Amino acid sequence: MRYAVLGTGEVGRTLGGRLVELGHEVTLGSRSEDNPVAREWSTAAAGRAHAGTFAQAAAASEVVINAVGGRVALEALGAVGAGHLDGKVVVDVSNPLAFEDGQPRLDPVESDSVGERIQQAFPHARVVKTLNTVNCQVMVDPGRVPGGHAVFVCGENADAKEQVKELLGEFGWPAGRVLDLGGIRSARAVEMYLPLWLTMFREFGHADFNIEVCRAR
């Protein structure tokens, strides 16, 4: 499978690196074609790893992963252009986080979400929200955390969600721990989880944790 991973931060490099290890072709996308971080990453990963602009990465892909910050996601995807997104699965792992006066703030929040805004801006893309509730190391290696902890997916297109669930399975998430929350509107709920995640991170002193959902049968 050919993947575009948009974003050269730790999340993008971690996801891209794991995809390459799994045998996929990956282009790490950034704003400029000569981004030194992307070039260094592609050289180190070698073979199936490439670097390019956001648009170049998406054009060469079958699946696009948005790993830039939630507040700049629409700008990054706008640089890609709708023509490179139409019909494709767009996996959004972002959170709309910023720190203002030293405090975490979400925007949008409650009445909207990044996932919904992406789907609205690119109606012919098949947007799936997932993985934004865990650290990037846990995203690609859920075995770092013991127990039956869960990850969530939501989106409007059932086939797209199934494809993303298969990807999560490649990362090591058992099917029974991938919880489908329905349509893309549920992205509001999983994005609003971030303040609780940050609170637990401060208390634990590390990011190797997740939540387990226990249900009566």
N, C-alpha and C. Protein backbone atom coordinates (compact mmCIF):
# COMPACT_ATOMS: atom_id res chain seq x y z
N MET A 1 0.85 -1.19 0.00
CA MET A 1 0.00 0.00 0.00
C MET A 1 0.89 1.25 0.00
N ARG A 2 0.45 2.28 -0.67
CA ARG A 2 1.19 3.54 -0.72
C ARG A 2 0.53 4.56 0.20
N TYR A 3 1.28 5.04 1.16
CA TYR A 3 0.77 5.98 2.15
C TYR A 3 1.45 7.34 2.02
N ALA A 4 0.68 8.39 2.22
CA ALA A 4 1.22 9.72 2.47
C ALA A 4 1.04 10.02 3.94
N VAL A 5 2.09 10.43 4.60
CA VAL A 5 2.00 10.87 5.99
C VAL A 5 2.33 12.35 6.00
N LEU A 6 1.35 13.17 6.31
CA LEU A 6 1.54 14.62 6.28
C LEU A 6 1.99 15.08 7.66
N GLY A 7 3.20 15.63 7.71
CA GLY A 7 3.73 16.12 8.98
C GLY A 7 5.05 15.45 9.31
N THR A 8 6.04 16.26 9.67
CA THR A 8 7.39 15.75 9.93
C THR A 8 7.73 15.73 11.42
N GLY A 9 6.74 15.94 12.28
CA GLY A 9 6.97 15.87 13.71
C GLY A 9 7.11 14.44 14.17
N GLU A 10 7.17 14.25 15.49
CA GLU A 10 7.38 12.91 16.04
C GLU A 10 6.26 11.96 15.63
N VAL A 11 5.02 12.45 15.60
CA VAL A 11 3.90 11.59 15.23
C VAL A 11 4.05 11.11 13.79
N GLY A 12 4.29 12.03 12.87
CA GLY A 12 4.42 11.66 11.47
C GLY A 12 5.58 10.72 11.22
N ARG A 13 6.73 11.01 11.82
CA ARG A 13 7.91 10.15 11.61
C ARG A 13 7.70 8.77 12.21
N THR A 14 7.03 8.70 13.36
CA THR A 14 6.78 7.40 14.00
C THR A 14 5.83 6.56 13.16
N LEU A 15 4.73 7.15 12.73
CA LEU A 15 3.78 6.43 11.89
C LEU A 15 4.42 6.01 10.58
N GLY A 16 5.12 6.94 9.94
CA GLY A 16 5.76 6.63 8.68
C GLY A 16 6.80 5.53 8.81
N GLY A 17 7.59 5.60 9.86
CA GLY A 17 8.61 4.59 10.07
C GLY A 17 8.03 3.20 10.27
N ARG A 18 6.96 3.12 11.03
CA ARG A 18 6.33 1.81 11.27
C ARG A 18 5.71 1.27 9.98
N LEU A 19 5.12 2.13 9.18
CA LEU A 19 4.54 1.69 7.91
C LEU A 19 5.61 1.14 6.98
N VAL A 20 6.75 1.80 6.95
CA VAL A 20 7.86 1.31 6.14
C VAL A 20 8.30 -0.07 6.64
N GLU A 21 8.42 -0.22 7.97
CA GLU A 21 8.81 -1.51 8.54
C GLU A 21 7.82 -2.62 8.15
N LEU A 22 6.55 -2.24 8.00
CA LEU A 22 5.53 -3.21 7.64
C LEU A 22 5.50 -3.51 6.14
N GLY A 23 6.35 -2.85 5.39
CA GLY A 23 6.46 -3.14 3.97
C GLY A 23 5.72 -2.20 3.04
N HIS A 24 5.20 -1.10 3.57
CA HIS A 24 4.46 -0.14 2.75
C HIS A 24 5.39 0.92 2.16
N GLU A 25 4.95 1.53 1.07
CA GLU A 25 5.62 2.70 0.51
C GLU A 25 5.09 3.94 1.21
N VAL A 26 5.98 4.79 1.70
CA VAL A 26 5.55 5.96 2.47
C VAL A 26 6.26 7.21 1.96
N THR A 27 5.50 8.25 1.71
CA THR A 27 6.06 9.57 1.43
C THR A 27 5.71 10.49 2.57
N LEU A 28 6.73 11.03 3.22
CA LEU A 28 6.55 11.97 4.32
C LEU A 28 6.42 13.37 3.73
N GLY A 29 5.25 13.98 3.93
CA GLY A 29 4.97 15.26 3.31
C GLY A 29 5.20 16.43 4.23
N SER A 30 5.67 17.52 3.67
CA SER A 30 5.90 18.75 4.42
C SER A 30 5.58 19.94 3.53
N ARG A 31 5.71 21.13 4.05
CA ARG A 31 5.36 22.32 3.28
C ARG A 31 6.30 22.56 2.11
N SER A 32 7.58 22.20 2.30
CA SER A 32 8.57 22.46 1.26
C SER A 32 9.21 21.16 0.81
N GLU A 33 9.59 21.12 -0.45
CA GLU A 33 10.16 19.90 -1.02
C GLU A 33 11.52 19.57 -0.42
N ASP A 34 12.24 20.60 0.05
CA ASP A 34 13.58 20.38 0.59
C ASP A 34 13.61 20.38 2.11
N ASN A 35 12.49 20.03 2.75
CA ASN A 35 12.45 19.99 4.21
C ASN A 35 13.55 19.07 4.74
N PRO A 36 14.47 19.58 5.57
CA PRO A 36 15.61 18.75 5.99
C PRO A 36 15.22 17.58 6.88
N VAL A 37 14.18 17.74 7.70
CA VAL A 37 13.75 16.64 8.56
C VAL A 37 13.20 15.49 7.72
N ALA A 38 12.36 15.83 6.74
CA ALA A 38 11.79 14.80 5.87
C ALA A 38 12.88 14.11 5.05
N ARG A 39 13.84 14.89 4.56
CA ARG A 39 14.92 14.31 3.78
C ARG A 39 15.77 13.36 4.63
N GLU A 40 16.08 13.79 5.84
CA GLU A 40 16.87 12.94 6.73
C GLU A 40 16.12 11.65 7.06
N TRP A 41 14.81 11.79 7.32
CA TRP A 41 14.00 10.60 7.63
C TRP A 41 13.98 9.63 6.46
N SER A 42 13.76 10.13 5.26
CA SER A 42 13.66 9.25 4.10
C SER A 42 15.00 8.59 3.80
N THR A 43 16.09 9.29 4.04
CA THR A 43 17.41 8.71 3.81
C THR A 43 17.70 7.61 4.81
N ALA A 44 17.34 7.86 6.08
CA ALA A 44 17.59 6.88 7.13
C ALA A 44 16.74 5.64 6.93
N ALA A 45 15.47 5.84 6.55
CA ALA A 45 14.56 4.70 6.36
C ALA A 45 14.87 3.96 5.06
N ALA A 46 15.24 4.72 4.04
CA ALA A 46 15.69 4.18 2.75
C ALA A 46 14.65 3.26 2.09
N GLY A 47 14.93 2.92 0.85
CA GLY A 47 14.09 1.96 0.12
C GLY A 47 12.70 2.46 -0.16
N ARG A 48 11.77 2.13 0.73
CA ARG A 48 10.36 2.46 0.52
C ARG A 48 9.98 3.81 1.11
N ALA A 49 10.92 4.58 1.64
CA ALA A 49 10.63 5.86 2.27
C ALA A 49 11.02 7.01 1.35
N HIS A 50 10.13 7.99 1.23
CA HIS A 50 10.36 9.12 0.35
C HIS A 50 9.96 10.41 1.07
N ALA A 51 10.34 11.53 0.49
CA ALA A 51 9.98 12.84 1.04
C ALA A 51 9.49 13.72 -0.10
N GLY A 52 8.59 14.65 0.23
CA GLY A 52 8.07 15.56 -0.77
C GLY A 52 7.17 16.59 -0.13
N THR A 53 6.55 17.41 -0.94
CA THR A 53 5.58 18.37 -0.43
C THR A 53 4.31 17.63 -0.03
N PHE A 54 3.43 18.34 0.66
CA PHE A 54 2.14 17.74 1.00
C PHE A 54 1.45 17.21 -0.25
N ALA A 55 1.44 18.02 -1.31
CA ALA A 55 0.75 17.63 -2.54
C ALA A 55 1.43 16.44 -3.20
N GLN A 56 2.75 16.44 -3.25
CA GLN A 56 3.47 15.33 -3.86
C GLN A 56 3.24 14.03 -3.10
N ALA A 57 3.24 14.13 -1.78
CA ALA A 57 3.01 12.94 -0.96
C ALA A 57 1.64 12.35 -1.23
N ALA A 58 0.61 13.20 -1.22
CA ALA A 58 -0.75 12.73 -1.41
C ALA A 58 -0.97 12.20 -2.82
N ALA A 59 -0.36 12.86 -3.80
CA ALA A 59 -0.53 12.43 -5.19
C ALA A 59 0.00 11.01 -5.41
N ALA A 60 1.04 10.65 -4.68
CA ALA A 60 1.66 9.34 -4.85
C ALA A 60 1.03 8.26 -3.98
N SER A 61 -0.02 8.61 -3.23
CA SER A 61 -0.55 7.70 -2.21
C SER A 61 -1.91 7.12 -2.58
N GLU A 62 -2.21 6.04 -1.88
CA GLU A 62 -3.56 5.49 -1.87
C GLU A 62 -4.32 5.89 -0.61
N VAL A 63 -3.59 6.11 0.47
CA VAL A 63 -4.15 6.53 1.75
C VAL A 63 -3.35 7.72 2.27
N VAL A 64 -4.05 8.72 2.80
CA VAL A 64 -3.40 9.91 3.34
C VAL A 64 -3.61 9.94 4.85
N ILE A 65 -2.53 10.11 5.60
CA ILE A 65 -2.62 10.23 7.05
C ILE A 65 -2.28 11.66 7.44
N ASN A 66 -3.22 12.34 8.08
CA ASN A 66 -2.97 13.69 8.56
C ASN A 66 -2.34 13.62 9.93
N ALA A 67 -1.02 13.94 10.00
CA ALA A 67 -0.31 13.92 11.27
C ALA A 67 0.24 15.29 11.63
N VAL A 68 -0.29 16.34 11.00
CA VAL A 68 0.05 17.70 11.44
C VAL A 68 -0.90 18.07 12.57
N GLY A 69 -0.60 19.15 13.26
CA GLY A 69 -1.46 19.60 14.35
C GLY A 69 -2.86 19.93 13.86
N GLY A 70 -3.83 19.68 14.72
CA GLY A 70 -5.22 19.89 14.33
C GLY A 70 -5.54 21.30 13.90
N ARG A 71 -4.86 22.27 14.47
CA ARG A 71 -5.18 23.66 14.14
C ARG A 71 -4.64 24.08 12.78
N VAL A 72 -3.74 23.30 12.21
CA VAL A 72 -3.22 23.62 10.88
C VAL A 72 -3.57 22.54 9.86
N ALA A 73 -4.45 21.62 10.25
CA ALA A 73 -4.79 20.50 9.37
C ALA A 73 -5.43 20.96 8.07
N LEU A 74 -6.38 21.88 8.15
CA LEU A 74 -7.05 22.33 6.93
C LEU A 74 -6.08 23.06 6.00
N GLU A 75 -5.15 23.80 6.58
CA GLU A 75 -4.14 24.48 5.76
C GLU A 75 -3.28 23.46 5.02
N ALA A 76 -2.84 22.41 5.75
CA ALA A 76 -2.00 21.39 5.12
C ALA A 76 -2.75 20.65 4.03
N LEU A 77 -4.00 20.27 4.32
CA LEU A 77 -4.78 19.54 3.33
C LEU A 77 -5.19 20.45 2.17
N GLY A 78 -5.34 21.74 2.46
CA GLY A 78 -5.59 22.69 1.38
C GLY A 78 -4.42 22.76 0.42
N ALA A 79 -3.19 22.63 0.95
CA ALA A 79 -1.99 22.62 0.11
C ALA A 79 -1.94 21.35 -0.73
N VAL A 80 -2.53 20.27 -0.24
CA VAL A 80 -2.63 19.03 -1.02
C VAL A 80 -3.54 19.24 -2.21
N GLY A 81 -4.72 19.83 -1.93
CA GLY A 81 -5.71 20.03 -2.98
C GLY A 81 -6.72 18.90 -3.04
N ALA A 82 -7.96 19.24 -3.27
CA ALA A 82 -9.04 18.26 -3.28
C ALA A 82 -8.81 17.16 -4.32
N GLY A 83 -8.19 17.50 -5.43
CA GLY A 83 -7.99 16.52 -6.49
C GLY A 83 -7.13 15.33 -6.07
N HIS A 84 -6.24 15.55 -5.09
CA HIS A 84 -5.39 14.47 -4.59
C HIS A 84 -6.01 13.74 -3.41
N LEU A 85 -7.20 14.19 -2.98
CA LEU A 85 -7.87 13.58 -1.83
C LEU A 85 -9.16 12.89 -2.20
N ASP A 86 -9.76 13.30 -3.30
CA ASP A 86 -11.07 12.75 -3.69
C ASP A 86 -11.01 11.22 -3.80
N GLY A 87 -11.93 10.57 -3.11
CA GLY A 87 -12.05 9.12 -3.16
C GLY A 87 -11.09 8.38 -2.25
N LYS A 88 -10.12 9.07 -1.68
CA LYS A 88 -9.12 8.41 -0.84
C LYS A 88 -9.54 8.39 0.63
N VAL A 89 -9.03 7.40 1.33
CA VAL A 89 -9.17 7.38 2.79
C VAL A 89 -8.20 8.41 3.36
N VAL A 90 -8.73 9.30 4.19
CA VAL A 90 -7.91 10.29 4.89
C VAL A 90 -8.02 9.98 6.38
N VAL A 91 -6.93 9.54 6.96
CA VAL A 91 -6.90 9.17 8.37
C VAL A 91 -6.43 10.38 9.17
N ASP A 92 -7.28 10.86 10.05
CA ASP A 92 -6.96 12.04 10.85
C ASP A 92 -6.60 11.61 12.27
N VAL A 93 -5.34 11.80 12.65
CA VAL A 93 -4.90 11.42 14.00
C VAL A 93 -4.63 12.66 14.85
N SER A 94 -5.07 13.82 14.40
CA SER A 94 -4.68 15.08 15.04
C SER A 94 -5.60 15.48 16.19
N ASN A 95 -5.10 16.42 16.97
CA ASN A 95 -5.88 17.06 18.03
C ASN A 95 -5.75 18.57 17.90
N PRO A 96 -6.84 19.32 18.13
CA PRO A 96 -6.81 20.78 17.94
C PRO A 96 -6.25 21.51 19.16
N LEU A 97 -5.00 21.20 19.51
CA LEU A 97 -4.42 21.67 20.77
C LEU A 97 -3.49 22.85 20.56
N ALA A 98 -3.57 23.79 21.47
CA ALA A 98 -2.58 24.87 21.58
C ALA A 98 -2.47 25.23 23.05
N PHE A 99 -1.34 25.82 23.41
CA PHE A 99 -1.16 26.27 24.79
C PHE A 99 -1.24 27.79 24.82
N GLU A 100 -2.20 28.29 25.59
CA GLU A 100 -2.41 29.72 25.72
C GLU A 100 -2.29 30.09 27.19
N ASP A 101 -1.37 31.02 27.50
CA ASP A 101 -1.07 31.39 28.89
C ASP A 101 -0.68 30.17 29.71
N GLY A 102 0.03 29.27 29.05
CA GLY A 102 0.51 28.09 29.73
C GLY A 102 -0.52 26.99 29.94
N GLN A 103 -1.74 27.19 29.45
CA GLN A 103 -2.82 26.24 29.64
C GLN A 103 -3.23 25.63 28.30
N PRO A 104 -3.53 24.32 28.29
CA PRO A 104 -3.98 23.70 27.04
C PRO A 104 -5.37 24.17 26.65
N ARG A 105 -5.54 24.47 25.39
CA ARG A 105 -6.83 24.90 24.86
C ARG A 105 -7.13 24.11 23.59
N LEU A 106 -8.40 23.74 23.44
CA LEU A 106 -8.86 23.07 22.23
C LEU A 106 -9.70 24.03 21.40
N ASP A 107 -9.46 24.04 20.10
CA ASP A 107 -10.27 24.85 19.19
C ASP A 107 -10.17 24.23 17.80
N PRO A 108 -11.26 23.65 17.28
CA PRO A 108 -12.63 23.67 17.81
C PRO A 108 -12.81 22.70 18.97
N VAL A 109 -13.96 22.86 19.62
CA VAL A 109 -14.28 21.98 20.74
C VAL A 109 -15.79 21.93 20.93
N GLU A 110 -16.29 20.79 21.33
CA GLU A 110 -17.68 20.54 21.73
C GLU A 110 -18.69 20.60 20.59
N SER A 111 -18.80 21.73 19.91
CA SER A 111 -19.80 21.85 18.85
C SER A 111 -19.23 21.60 17.46
N ASP A 112 -17.95 21.22 17.40
CA ASP A 112 -17.30 20.95 16.12
C ASP A 112 -16.03 20.15 16.40
N SER A 113 -15.36 19.70 15.36
CA SER A 113 -14.12 18.94 15.53
C SER A 113 -13.27 19.08 14.29
N VAL A 114 -12.00 18.77 14.41
CA VAL A 114 -11.12 18.78 13.24
C VAL A 114 -11.58 17.74 12.23
N GLY A 115 -11.94 16.56 12.73
CA GLY A 115 -12.39 15.51 11.82
C GLY A 115 -13.57 15.96 10.96
N GLU A 116 -14.54 16.61 11.59
CA GLU A 116 -15.71 17.08 10.85
C GLU A 116 -15.34 18.18 9.85
N ARG A 117 -14.45 19.07 10.26
CA ARG A 117 -14.06 20.16 9.38
C ARG A 117 -13.33 19.64 8.14
N ILE A 118 -12.51 18.61 8.34
CA ILE A 118 -11.83 18.01 7.18
C ILE A 118 -12.85 17.39 6.23
N GLN A 119 -13.80 16.64 6.79
CA GLN A 119 -14.81 16.00 5.94
C GLN A 119 -15.67 17.03 5.22
N GLN A 120 -15.99 18.13 5.90
CA GLN A 120 -16.79 19.18 5.27
C GLN A 120 -16.01 19.88 4.16
N ALA A 121 -14.73 20.14 4.40
CA ALA A 121 -13.91 20.85 3.42
C ALA A 121 -13.60 19.97 2.20
N PHE A 122 -13.55 18.65 2.42
CA PHE A 122 -13.22 17.73 1.33
C PHE A 122 -14.28 16.62 1.30
N PRO A 123 -15.47 16.96 0.80
CA PRO A 123 -16.61 16.04 0.90
C PRO A 123 -16.42 14.72 0.14
N HIS A 124 -15.51 14.69 -0.82
CA HIS A 124 -15.32 13.46 -1.58
C HIS A 124 -14.18 12.60 -1.02
N ALA A 125 -13.52 13.08 0.01
CA ALA A 125 -12.55 12.24 0.73
C ALA A 125 -13.31 11.38 1.73
N ARG A 126 -12.71 10.29 2.14
CA ARG A 126 -13.35 9.38 3.10
C ARG A 126 -12.57 9.48 4.42
N VAL A 127 -13.02 10.38 5.27
CA VAL A 127 -12.27 10.75 6.48
C VAL A 127 -12.59 9.78 7.62
N VAL A 128 -11.54 9.30 8.27
CA VAL A 128 -11.68 8.45 9.44
C VAL A 128 -10.82 9.02 10.55
N LYS A 129 -11.44 9.26 11.68
CA LYS A 129 -10.72 9.74 12.86
C LYS A 129 -10.30 8.55 13.71
N THR A 130 -9.02 8.52 14.11
CA THR A 130 -8.55 7.44 14.96
C THR A 130 -7.19 7.80 15.56
N LEU A 131 -6.77 7.06 16.57
CA LEU A 131 -5.43 7.10 17.16
C LEU A 131 -5.08 8.39 17.90
N ASN A 132 -5.97 9.38 17.90
CA ASN A 132 -5.61 10.65 18.55
C ASN A 132 -5.69 10.58 20.07
N THR A 133 -6.11 9.44 20.63
CA THR A 133 -6.26 9.32 22.08
C THR A 133 -5.08 8.63 22.74
N VAL A 134 -4.02 8.34 21.97
CA VAL A 134 -2.83 7.70 22.53
C VAL A 134 -1.58 8.36 21.99
N ASN A 135 -0.48 8.20 22.71
CA ASN A 135 0.82 8.67 22.28
C ASN A 135 1.24 7.95 21.00
N CYS A 136 2.10 8.59 20.20
CA CYS A 136 2.46 8.01 18.91
C CYS A 136 3.18 6.68 19.04
N GLN A 137 3.93 6.47 20.12
CA GLN A 137 4.59 5.17 20.30
C GLN A 137 3.56 4.07 20.54
N VAL A 138 2.51 4.39 21.29
CA VAL A 138 1.44 3.42 21.55
C VAL A 138 0.61 3.22 20.29
N MET A 139 0.46 4.26 19.47
CA MET A 139 -0.27 4.12 18.20
C MET A 139 0.23 2.91 17.42
N VAL A 140 1.55 2.79 17.30
CA VAL A 140 2.14 1.78 16.42
C VAL A 140 2.61 0.54 17.18
N ASP A 141 2.50 0.57 18.52
CA ASP A 141 2.92 -0.57 19.33
C ASP A 141 2.06 -0.63 20.60
N PRO A 142 0.79 -1.05 20.47
CA PRO A 142 -0.09 -1.07 21.63
C PRO A 142 0.39 -2.01 22.73
N GLY A 143 1.30 -2.93 22.42
CA GLY A 143 1.84 -3.83 23.43
C GLY A 143 2.68 -3.13 24.47
N ARG A 144 3.01 -1.86 24.26
CA ARG A 144 3.73 -1.09 25.27
C ARG A 144 2.91 -0.93 26.54
N VAL A 145 1.58 -1.05 26.38
CA VAL A 145 0.66 -0.89 27.51
C VAL A 145 -0.03 -2.23 27.76
N PRO A 146 0.01 -2.77 28.98
CA PRO A 146 -0.64 -4.06 29.24
C PRO A 146 -2.16 -3.92 29.28
N GLY A 147 -2.85 -5.04 29.14
CA GLY A 147 -4.30 -5.05 29.30
C GLY A 147 -5.05 -4.87 28.01
N GLY A 148 -6.38 -4.82 28.14
CA GLY A 148 -7.26 -4.75 26.98
C GLY A 148 -7.67 -3.34 26.62
N HIS A 149 -6.73 -2.44 26.57
CA HIS A 149 -7.04 -1.02 26.30
C HIS A 149 -7.49 -0.84 24.85
N ALA A 150 -8.21 0.26 24.63
CA ALA A 150 -8.95 0.42 23.37
C ALA A 150 -8.48 1.61 22.55
N VAL A 151 -8.79 1.54 21.26
CA VAL A 151 -8.62 2.66 20.35
C VAL A 151 -9.94 2.83 19.62
N PHE A 152 -10.21 4.03 19.13
CA PHE A 152 -11.50 4.37 18.56
C PHE A 152 -11.39 4.73 17.09
N VAL A 153 -12.45 4.49 16.34
CA VAL A 153 -12.56 4.97 14.97
C VAL A 153 -13.93 5.59 14.78
N CYS A 154 -14.00 6.61 13.94
CA CYS A 154 -15.30 7.15 13.53
C CYS A 154 -15.16 7.77 12.16
N GLY A 155 -16.25 7.73 11.41
CA GLY A 155 -16.26 8.26 10.06
C GLY A 155 -17.55 7.88 9.37
N GLU A 156 -17.82 8.52 8.25
CA GLU A 156 -19.09 8.32 7.55
C GLU A 156 -19.09 7.12 6.63
N ASN A 157 -17.91 6.69 6.18
CA ASN A 157 -17.84 5.64 5.17
C ASN A 157 -17.44 4.32 5.81
N ALA A 158 -18.33 3.33 5.74
CA ALA A 158 -18.08 2.04 6.40
C ALA A 158 -16.88 1.32 5.80
N ASP A 159 -16.72 1.36 4.48
CA ASP A 159 -15.59 0.69 3.85
C ASP A 159 -14.27 1.33 4.28
N ALA A 160 -14.26 2.65 4.38
CA ALA A 160 -13.05 3.35 4.81
C ALA A 160 -12.68 2.95 6.24
N LYS A 161 -13.69 2.84 7.09
CA LYS A 161 -13.40 2.43 8.47
C LYS A 161 -12.87 1.02 8.53
N GLU A 162 -13.37 0.14 7.70
CA GLU A 162 -12.86 -1.22 7.67
C GLU A 162 -11.40 -1.24 7.22
N GLN A 163 -11.08 -0.41 6.25
CA GLN A 163 -9.70 -0.34 5.78
C GLN A 163 -8.78 0.17 6.89
N VAL A 164 -9.25 1.16 7.64
CA VAL A 164 -8.45 1.70 8.74
C VAL A 164 -8.32 0.67 9.85
N LYS A 165 -9.36 -0.09 10.11
CA LYS A 165 -9.27 -1.15 11.11
C LYS A 165 -8.23 -2.19 10.73
N GLU A 166 -8.12 -2.48 9.44
CA GLU A 166 -7.08 -3.41 8.99
C GLU A 166 -5.69 -2.83 9.25
N LEU A 167 -5.54 -1.53 9.02
CA LEU A 167 -4.27 -0.87 9.31
C LEU A 167 -3.95 -0.95 10.80
N LEU A 168 -4.95 -0.68 11.64
CA LEU A 168 -4.74 -0.77 13.07
C LEU A 168 -4.33 -2.18 13.47
N GLY A 169 -4.91 -3.17 12.81
CA GLY A 169 -4.52 -4.55 13.06
C GLY A 169 -3.05 -4.79 12.73
N GLU A 170 -2.58 -4.18 11.65
CA GLU A 170 -1.16 -4.30 11.30
C GLU A 170 -0.28 -3.68 12.38
N PHE A 171 -0.76 -2.62 12.99
CA PHE A 171 -0.02 -1.98 14.08
C PHE A 171 -0.03 -2.81 15.37
N GLY A 172 -0.96 -3.79 15.43
CA GLY A 172 -1.01 -4.65 16.61
C GLY A 172 -2.25 -4.49 17.46
N TRP A 173 -3.22 -3.71 16.98
CA TRP A 173 -4.47 -3.54 17.73
C TRP A 173 -5.42 -4.69 17.41
N PRO A 174 -5.77 -5.53 18.39
CA PRO A 174 -6.73 -6.61 18.14
C PRO A 174 -8.09 -6.04 17.74
N ALA A 175 -8.78 -6.73 16.86
CA ALA A 175 -10.06 -6.23 16.36
C ALA A 175 -11.05 -5.93 17.48
N GLY A 176 -11.06 -6.73 18.53
CA GLY A 176 -11.99 -6.52 19.62
C GLY A 176 -11.72 -5.29 20.45
N ARG A 177 -10.56 -4.68 20.26
CA ARG A 177 -10.21 -3.48 21.01
C ARG A 177 -10.28 -2.21 20.16
N VAL A 178 -10.77 -2.37 18.94
CA VAL A 178 -11.00 -1.21 18.06
C VAL A 178 -12.49 -0.91 18.10
N LEU A 179 -12.85 0.18 18.74
CA LEU A 179 -14.26 0.49 18.98
C LEU A 179 -14.75 1.52 17.97
N ASP A 180 -15.76 1.14 17.20
CA ASP A 180 -16.35 2.01 16.18
C ASP A 180 -17.41 2.89 16.84
N LEU A 181 -17.20 4.20 16.81
CA LEU A 181 -18.11 5.15 17.45
C LEU A 181 -19.12 5.75 16.47
N GLY A 182 -19.18 5.24 15.26
CA GLY A 182 -20.18 5.74 14.31
C GLY A 182 -19.63 6.81 13.39
N GLY A 183 -20.46 7.83 13.14
CA GLY A 183 -20.13 8.87 12.17
C GLY A 183 -19.06 9.82 12.64
N ILE A 184 -18.64 10.71 11.74
CA ILE A 184 -17.53 11.61 12.01
C ILE A 184 -17.84 12.61 13.11
N ARG A 185 -19.11 12.81 13.42
CA ARG A 185 -19.46 13.72 14.52
C ARG A 185 -18.86 13.24 15.85
N SER A 186 -18.62 11.94 15.97
CA SER A 186 -18.03 11.41 17.19
C SER A 186 -16.59 11.87 17.38
N ALA A 187 -16.00 12.47 16.35
CA ALA A 187 -14.66 13.04 16.51
C ALA A 187 -14.65 14.11 17.60
N ARG A 188 -15.78 14.76 17.82
CA ARG A 188 -15.85 15.75 18.90
C ARG A 188 -15.49 15.12 20.24
N ALA A 189 -16.04 13.95 20.49
CA ALA A 189 -15.84 13.30 21.79
C ALA A 189 -14.40 12.87 21.97
N VAL A 190 -13.81 12.23 20.96
CA VAL A 190 -12.44 11.74 21.14
C VAL A 190 -11.43 12.89 21.16
N GLU A 191 -11.72 13.99 20.48
CA GLU A 191 -10.84 15.14 20.57
C GLU A 191 -10.93 15.81 21.94
N MET A 192 -12.12 15.82 22.54
CA MET A 192 -12.26 16.42 23.86
C MET A 192 -11.64 15.58 24.98
N TYR A 193 -11.23 14.36 24.66
CA TYR A 193 -10.55 13.51 25.63
C TYR A 193 -9.15 14.03 25.96
N LEU A 194 -8.57 14.84 25.08
CA LEU A 194 -7.17 15.23 25.22
C LEU A 194 -6.84 15.89 26.56
N PRO A 195 -7.65 16.81 27.10
CA PRO A 195 -7.30 17.38 28.40
C PRO A 195 -7.16 16.33 29.50
N LEU A 196 -8.00 15.29 29.48
CA LEU A 196 -7.85 14.22 30.46
C LEU A 196 -6.55 13.46 30.22
N TRP A 197 -6.22 13.21 28.96
CA TRP A 197 -4.96 12.53 28.64
C TRP A 197 -3.78 13.33 29.16
N LEU A 198 -3.79 14.64 28.96
CA LEU A 198 -2.69 15.49 29.42
C LEU A 198 -2.58 15.47 30.94
N THR A 199 -3.72 15.46 31.63
CA THR A 199 -3.70 15.40 33.09
C THR A 199 -3.06 14.10 33.57
N MET A 200 -3.44 12.98 32.94
CA MET A 200 -2.86 11.70 33.33
C MET A 200 -1.37 11.66 32.99
N PHE A 201 -0.98 12.24 31.88
CA PHE A 201 0.44 12.29 31.50
C PHE A 201 1.26 13.02 32.57
N ARG A 202 0.73 14.13 33.06
CA ARG A 202 1.45 14.87 34.10
C ARG A 202 1.56 14.04 35.38
N GLU A 203 0.51 13.33 35.72
CA GLU A 203 0.50 12.53 36.95
C GLU A 203 1.42 11.31 36.83
N PHE A 204 1.39 10.64 35.68
CA PHE A 204 2.18 9.42 35.50
C PHE A 204 3.64 9.70 35.18
N GLY A 205 3.89 10.83 34.52
CA GLY A 205 5.25 11.16 34.14
C GLY A 205 5.73 10.47 32.88
N HIS A 206 4.85 9.80 32.18
CA HIS A 206 5.19 9.17 30.91
C HIS A 206 3.91 8.97 30.11
N ALA A 207 4.08 8.56 28.83
CA ALA A 207 2.92 8.46 27.92
C ALA A 207 2.51 7.03 27.61
N ASP A 208 3.09 6.06 28.28
CA ASP A 208 2.75 4.66 28.00
C ASP A 208 1.54 4.24 28.83
N PHE A 209 0.39 4.79 28.47
CA PHE A 209 -0.86 4.43 29.13
C PHE A 209 -2.01 4.58 28.15
N ASN A 210 -3.14 3.99 28.49
CA ASN A 210 -4.35 4.10 27.69
C ASN A 210 -5.52 3.69 28.56
N ILE A 211 -6.72 3.79 28.03
CA ILE A 211 -7.91 3.44 28.79
C ILE A 211 -8.51 2.15 28.26
N GLU A 212 -9.12 1.41 29.15
CA GLU A 212 -9.82 0.18 28.79
C GLU A 212 -11.31 0.40 28.99
N VAL A 213 -12.09 -0.02 28.04
CA VAL A 213 -13.54 0.13 28.09
C VAL A 213 -14.15 -1.23 28.47
N CYS A 214 -14.81 -1.29 29.61
CA CYS A 214 -15.41 -2.53 30.08
C CYS A 214 -16.93 -2.44 29.93
N ARG A 215 -17.50 -3.38 29.22
CA ARG A 215 -18.94 -3.33 28.93
C ARG A 215 -19.62 -4.60 29.43
N ALA A 216 -20.85 -4.45 29.90
CA ALA A 216 -21.66 -5.61 30.25
C ALA A 216 -22.10 -6.28 28.95
N ARG A 217 -22.07 -7.58 28.91
CA ARG A 217 -22.45 -8.31 27.69
C ARG A 217 -23.95 -8.65 27.72
